[in-house]
Protein backbone atom coordinates (compact mmCIF):
# COMPACT_ATOMS: atom_id res chain seq x y z
CA MET A 1 28.00 -79.46 -71.55
CA LYS A 2 27.30 -75.93 -72.76
CA THR A 3 24.69 -73.79 -71.11
CA GLY A 4 21.36 -74.20 -72.84
CA PHE A 5 18.15 -76.20 -72.97
CA PHE A 6 18.32 -79.96 -73.11
CA PHE A 7 15.60 -81.52 -75.27
CA ARG A 8 14.69 -85.17 -75.11
CA CYS A 9 13.83 -86.29 -78.63
CA LEU A 10 11.68 -89.08 -79.98
CA THR A 11 13.26 -90.77 -83.01
CA GLY A 12 15.95 -88.09 -82.87
CA LEU A 13 13.69 -85.37 -84.25
CA MET A 14 10.56 -84.93 -82.13
CA LEU A 15 10.47 -82.47 -79.24
CA ALA A 16 8.87 -84.60 -76.56
CA ALA A 17 8.01 -83.17 -73.18
CA GLY A 18 6.72 -86.50 -71.91
CA LEU A 19 8.07 -90.02 -72.25
CA HIS A 20 6.14 -91.70 -69.44
CA SER A 21 2.62 -93.02 -69.39
CA VAL A 22 1.23 -91.58 -66.16
CA SER A 23 -2.40 -91.31 -65.13
CA ALA A 24 -3.93 -87.87 -64.58
CA ALA A 25 -4.59 -88.78 -60.96
CA GLN A 26 -0.87 -88.56 -60.21
CA GLY A 27 -0.42 -84.82 -59.83
CA MET A 28 -2.56 -83.93 -62.85
CA VAL A 29 -0.21 -85.60 -65.30
CA ALA A 30 -1.40 -86.73 -68.72
CA ASN A 31 0.59 -87.69 -71.80
CA VAL A 32 -2.41 -87.44 -74.12
CA GLY A 33 -3.93 -84.32 -75.62
CA PHE A 34 -0.65 -82.49 -76.01
CA THR A 35 0.69 -81.33 -79.35
CA ASP A 36 3.75 -83.22 -80.58
CA ARG A 37 6.32 -80.92 -82.15
CA VAL A 38 8.76 -82.04 -84.83
CA ALA A 39 11.96 -80.17 -85.52
CA GLU A 40 15.32 -80.74 -87.04
CA PRO A 41 18.11 -80.72 -84.44
CA GLN A 42 19.53 -77.48 -85.80
CA GLN A 43 16.13 -75.80 -85.20
CA LEU A 44 16.04 -76.52 -81.48
CA PRO A 45 17.84 -73.35 -80.29
CA LYS A 46 15.46 -71.19 -82.33
CA ILE A 47 12.41 -72.99 -80.95
CA THR A 48 13.76 -72.57 -77.45
CA LEU A 49 14.07 -68.80 -77.83
CA GLU A 50 10.62 -68.48 -79.39
CA HIS A 51 8.56 -70.70 -77.12
CA VAL A 52 10.25 -71.32 -73.77
CA ARG A 53 9.81 -67.97 -72.01
CA ASN A 54 9.08 -68.95 -68.41
CA ASP A 55 10.19 -71.57 -65.95
CA VAL A 56 8.09 -74.24 -64.28
CA GLU A 57 7.78 -72.32 -61.00
CA ARG A 58 5.43 -69.75 -62.52
CA ALA A 59 2.91 -72.45 -63.40
CA SER A 60 2.63 -73.37 -59.72
CA HIS A 61 0.56 -70.22 -59.28
CA ILE A 62 -2.15 -71.33 -61.73
CA GLN A 63 -5.28 -72.13 -59.72
CA GLN A 64 -8.79 -73.30 -60.48
CA GLY A 65 -11.18 -70.42 -61.10
CA GLN A 66 -8.62 -67.95 -62.44
CA SER A 67 -9.50 -65.98 -65.55
CA ARG A 68 -7.72 -66.00 -68.91
CA ASP A 69 -6.23 -62.61 -68.01
CA ASP A 70 -4.79 -64.10 -64.82
CA VAL A 71 -3.11 -66.84 -66.85
CA LEU A 72 -1.77 -64.35 -69.39
CA LYS A 73 -0.23 -62.27 -66.61
CA LEU A 74 1.51 -65.33 -65.19
CA LEU A 75 2.59 -67.17 -68.33
CA GLY A 76 2.03 -64.88 -71.31
CA GLN A 77 0.59 -66.04 -74.62
CA PRO A 78 0.37 -69.81 -75.11
CA VAL A 79 2.41 -71.63 -77.71
CA GLU A 80 -0.72 -73.42 -78.89
CA ARG A 81 -4.47 -72.91 -78.42
CA THR A 82 -6.16 -76.27 -78.75
CA ARG A 83 -8.92 -78.49 -77.33
CA TYR A 84 -8.74 -81.00 -74.51
CA GLU A 85 -11.73 -83.31 -74.02
CA ASN A 86 -13.93 -80.79 -75.88
CA ARG A 87 -12.76 -77.87 -73.74
CA GLU A 88 -10.58 -74.92 -74.66
CA ALA A 89 -6.94 -75.48 -73.71
CA TRP A 90 -3.76 -73.43 -73.82
CA GLU A 91 -0.40 -75.15 -74.15
CA TYR A 92 2.88 -73.79 -72.81
CA GLN A 93 6.49 -74.90 -72.95
CA LEU A 94 8.28 -74.14 -69.69
CA SER A 95 11.85 -74.76 -68.65
CA LEU A 96 12.90 -76.87 -65.69
CA PRO A 97 16.54 -76.18 -64.74
CA LEU A 98 18.50 -79.25 -63.77
CA GLN A 99 20.63 -79.46 -60.66
CA ASN A 100 23.74 -78.09 -62.29
CA GLN A 101 21.74 -75.00 -63.39
CA LYS A 102 23.50 -75.10 -66.76
CA THR A 103 20.95 -77.21 -68.59
CA ALA A 104 17.19 -77.55 -68.51
CA ILE A 105 14.50 -79.79 -69.86
CA VAL A 106 11.37 -78.51 -71.57
CA CYS A 107 8.06 -79.17 -69.83
CA GLN A 108 4.76 -79.08 -71.67
CA PHE A 109 2.00 -77.58 -69.58
CA MET A 110 -1.69 -77.27 -70.45
CA VAL A 111 -4.32 -74.98 -68.92
CA VAL A 112 -7.89 -76.18 -69.50
CA TYR A 113 -10.88 -73.83 -69.32
CA SER A 114 -14.41 -74.65 -68.24
CA ASN A 115 -17.09 -74.44 -70.92
CA ALA A 116 -19.55 -73.19 -68.30
CA THR A 117 -17.55 -70.43 -66.61
CA THR A 118 -14.71 -69.86 -69.15
CA ASN A 119 -12.32 -69.79 -66.16
CA VAL A 120 -9.54 -72.26 -65.38
CA GLU A 121 -10.97 -75.72 -64.70
CA GLY A 122 -7.71 -77.60 -64.36
CA SER A 123 -4.16 -77.95 -65.59
CA TYR A 124 -1.96 -80.82 -66.76
CA TRP A 125 1.71 -81.62 -67.16
CA ARG A 126 2.93 -84.06 -69.77
CA ARG A 127 5.89 -85.04 -67.63
CA LYS A 128 5.66 -86.25 -64.04
CA GLN A 129 9.09 -84.83 -63.35
CA CYS A 130 7.74 -81.40 -64.23
CA ALA A 131 4.60 -81.84 -62.15
CA ASP A 132 6.67 -82.84 -59.13
CA ALA A 133 8.83 -79.74 -59.54
CA ALA A 134 5.80 -77.47 -59.70
CA LYS A 135 3.90 -78.41 -56.56
CA PRO A 136 1.33 -75.70 -55.82
CA ILE A 137 2.70 -73.02 -53.56
CA PRO A 138 0.24 -71.98 -50.86
CA VAL A 139 -0.23 -68.24 -50.99
CA ALA A 140 -1.44 -66.86 -47.68
CA ALA A 141 -2.55 -63.28 -47.33
CA PRO A 142 -0.36 -61.31 -44.95
CA ALA A 143 -1.55 -61.21 -41.38
CA PRO A 144 -3.70 -58.16 -40.64
CA ALA A 145 -2.15 -55.43 -38.58
CA PRO A 146 -2.65 -56.16 -34.83
CA VAL A 147 -4.33 -52.75 -34.31
CA ILE A 148 -5.90 -50.70 -37.08
CA ASN A 149 -6.79 -47.15 -36.07
CA ILE A 150 -9.28 -45.32 -38.27
CA SER A 151 -10.20 -41.68 -37.87
CA SER A 152 -13.80 -41.18 -36.77
CA ASP A 153 -13.78 -38.05 -38.92
CA LEU A 154 -13.36 -40.35 -41.93
CA LEU A 155 -15.87 -42.94 -40.78
CA PHE A 156 -18.66 -40.64 -39.58
CA GLY A 157 -20.06 -37.17 -39.92
CA PHE A 158 -19.71 -34.77 -37.00
CA ASP A 159 -21.48 -36.09 -33.89
CA GLN A 160 -22.98 -38.97 -35.91
CA SER A 161 -22.81 -42.76 -35.86
CA GLN A 162 -23.85 -43.39 -39.47
CA LEU A 163 -21.02 -44.53 -41.73
CA SER A 164 -19.92 -42.24 -44.53
CA ALA A 165 -19.23 -43.50 -48.06
CA ALA A 166 -15.50 -43.03 -47.49
CA GLY A 167 -15.76 -44.91 -44.22
CA MET A 168 -17.51 -47.85 -45.85
CA ARG A 169 -14.81 -48.04 -48.51
CA GLN A 170 -12.10 -48.10 -45.85
CA LEU A 171 -13.85 -50.78 -43.80
CA THR A 172 -14.49 -52.88 -46.90
CA GLN A 173 -10.75 -53.02 -47.59
CA ILE A 174 -10.04 -53.99 -43.99
CA ALA A 175 -12.74 -56.68 -43.94
CA ASP A 176 -11.53 -58.15 -47.23
CA SER A 177 -7.96 -58.26 -45.93
CA ILE A 178 -9.05 -60.11 -42.80
CA ILE A 179 -11.13 -62.59 -44.82
CA GLN A 180 -8.25 -63.26 -47.23
CA TYR A 181 -6.04 -64.11 -44.25
CA LYS A 182 -8.06 -67.37 -44.14
CA ARG A 183 -7.25 -68.11 -40.52
CA PRO A 184 -9.50 -67.74 -37.48
CA VAL A 185 -9.12 -64.36 -35.82
CA ALA A 186 -10.59 -62.56 -32.83
CA ILE A 187 -11.56 -58.95 -33.47
CA ASN A 188 -12.32 -56.26 -30.92
CA VAL A 189 -13.71 -52.95 -32.19
CA ILE A 190 -13.19 -50.04 -29.79
CA GLY A 191 -14.73 -46.61 -30.21
CA TYR A 192 -13.10 -43.46 -28.84
CA THR A 193 -14.05 -39.78 -28.77
CA ASP A 194 -12.18 -36.62 -27.87
CA ARG A 195 -12.69 -34.86 -24.52
CA LEU A 196 -14.99 -32.14 -25.83
CA GLY A 197 -18.51 -32.43 -24.47
CA ALA A 198 -20.04 -34.38 -21.60
CA ALA A 199 -18.28 -37.60 -20.60
CA ALA A 200 -21.53 -39.63 -20.48
CA TYR A 201 -22.53 -38.47 -23.95
CA ASN A 202 -19.09 -39.25 -25.37
CA GLN A 203 -19.22 -42.73 -23.85
CA LYS A 204 -22.54 -43.49 -25.55
CA LEU A 205 -21.33 -42.06 -28.86
CA SER A 206 -18.19 -44.20 -28.76
CA GLU A 207 -20.30 -47.31 -28.06
CA ARG A 208 -22.67 -46.60 -30.95
CA ARG A 209 -19.81 -46.05 -33.36
CA ALA A 210 -18.03 -49.23 -32.32
CA GLU A 211 -21.26 -51.19 -32.74
CA VAL A 212 -21.83 -49.78 -36.23
CA VAL A 213 -18.29 -50.68 -37.35
CA ALA A 214 -18.55 -54.18 -35.89
CA LYS A 215 -21.87 -54.76 -37.67
CA PHE A 216 -20.38 -53.62 -40.97
CA LEU A 217 -17.50 -56.09 -40.64
CA VAL A 218 -19.95 -58.91 -39.97
CA ASP A 219 -22.11 -57.85 -42.92
CA ARG A 220 -18.98 -58.05 -45.11
CA GLY A 221 -18.51 -61.71 -44.20
CA ILE A 222 -16.53 -61.89 -40.98
CA PRO A 223 -18.12 -64.43 -38.59
CA GLN A 224 -20.25 -62.69 -35.99
CA GLN A 225 -18.82 -64.78 -33.16
CA ALA A 226 -15.35 -63.46 -34.03
CA VAL A 227 -16.26 -59.78 -33.50
CA ARG A 228 -16.69 -57.90 -30.21
CA HIS A 229 -17.19 -54.18 -29.72
CA GLU A 230 -17.00 -51.64 -26.91
CA GLY A 231 -16.83 -47.90 -26.35
CA ARG A 232 -14.26 -46.16 -24.16
CA GLY A 233 -15.33 -42.55 -24.59
CA SER A 234 -12.53 -40.04 -24.20
CA SER A 235 -10.26 -42.37 -22.24
CA GLU A 236 -6.85 -43.36 -23.58
CA PRO A 237 -6.18 -40.15 -25.56
CA VAL A 238 -3.23 -40.06 -27.94
CA ALA A 239 -3.13 -36.25 -28.15
CA ALA A 240 -3.36 -34.00 -25.07
CA CYS A 241 -3.31 -30.58 -26.76
CA GLN A 242 -2.53 -28.67 -23.57
CA GLY A 243 -2.43 -24.89 -24.00
CA VAL A 244 -4.58 -24.79 -27.14
CA SER A 245 -7.27 -22.20 -26.44
CA SER A 246 -9.10 -21.71 -29.71
CA ARG A 247 -11.96 -24.22 -29.95
CA THR A 248 -11.41 -24.69 -33.68
CA ALA A 249 -7.70 -25.28 -33.19
CA LEU A 250 -8.42 -27.56 -30.23
CA LYS A 251 -10.88 -29.62 -32.25
CA ASP A 252 -8.25 -30.07 -34.97
CA CYS A 253 -5.56 -30.90 -32.42
CA LEU A 254 -7.74 -33.55 -30.77
CA ALA A 255 -8.60 -35.25 -34.06
CA PRO A 256 -6.30 -38.29 -33.41
CA ASN A 257 -8.38 -39.08 -30.30
CA ARG A 258 -11.55 -39.42 -32.37
CA ARG A 259 -10.97 -42.88 -33.71
CA VAL A 260 -12.14 -46.45 -33.96
CA ALA A 261 -9.53 -49.10 -33.20
CA ILE A 262 -9.88 -52.57 -34.73
CA GLN A 263 -7.77 -55.05 -32.80
CA VAL A 264 -7.05 -58.26 -34.72
CA GLN A 265 -5.32 -61.30 -33.29
CA PRO A 266 -5.28 -65.05 -33.98
CA ALA A 267 -8.24 -66.80 -32.43
CA ASN A 268 -7.61 -68.91 -29.36
CA ASN A 269 -8.90 -72.33 -30.34
CA ASN A 270 -8.25 -73.90 -26.97
């Protein structure tokens, strides 16, 4: 058989993406509400080129709550804009390669939008074979970095423990990444200072800064019980800067020591 798309036809002429009567409860399959397409056999290659632009796998990424723009990015423009049970619906024709990878069947797929939110409410396949081939693929956010070091010079003003606008933006990105991970984590926020100044003062400053960062993460939605904080003052330096005499140059050299470390690890559920 030549490479190409294999169409199952009703009465020899109708492009039919579903021949089985399957309830919608079985993997969101429904053989009603779809548009039947009639074509002469010689028209099938042209229809294939015009309408079958993506394969079934891409539809597995369609999820409830996505916007129209999200659907367009995944699947492009629909072949048909129609109605399904009095709701807006977009129809697509997607290819499902067969085992020999030389032929494929055409799967009709429908995305239905909510009248209330205008976002995706659900989706349907006309063919159970297509639905089975497009099981939703769980998409997990990448695990957060085990230790995230953030410059205190970015987070705070000099000798302060109030977050700057740039610091809040940075922490917002980190908090959102941790939340999207969608798995329980244990977070320890550790404040550090450089060695300039009195040790007792630096210890207190590092504690205040760690507490402020931890509170911000909790305010952004991370469970409070998952977040600890502590200050370690000027201990555990990463830059020694021996031999630097100018105070301005020394302050710049010691900048890596002025930091807040966010340690993230999977929560121990035992």
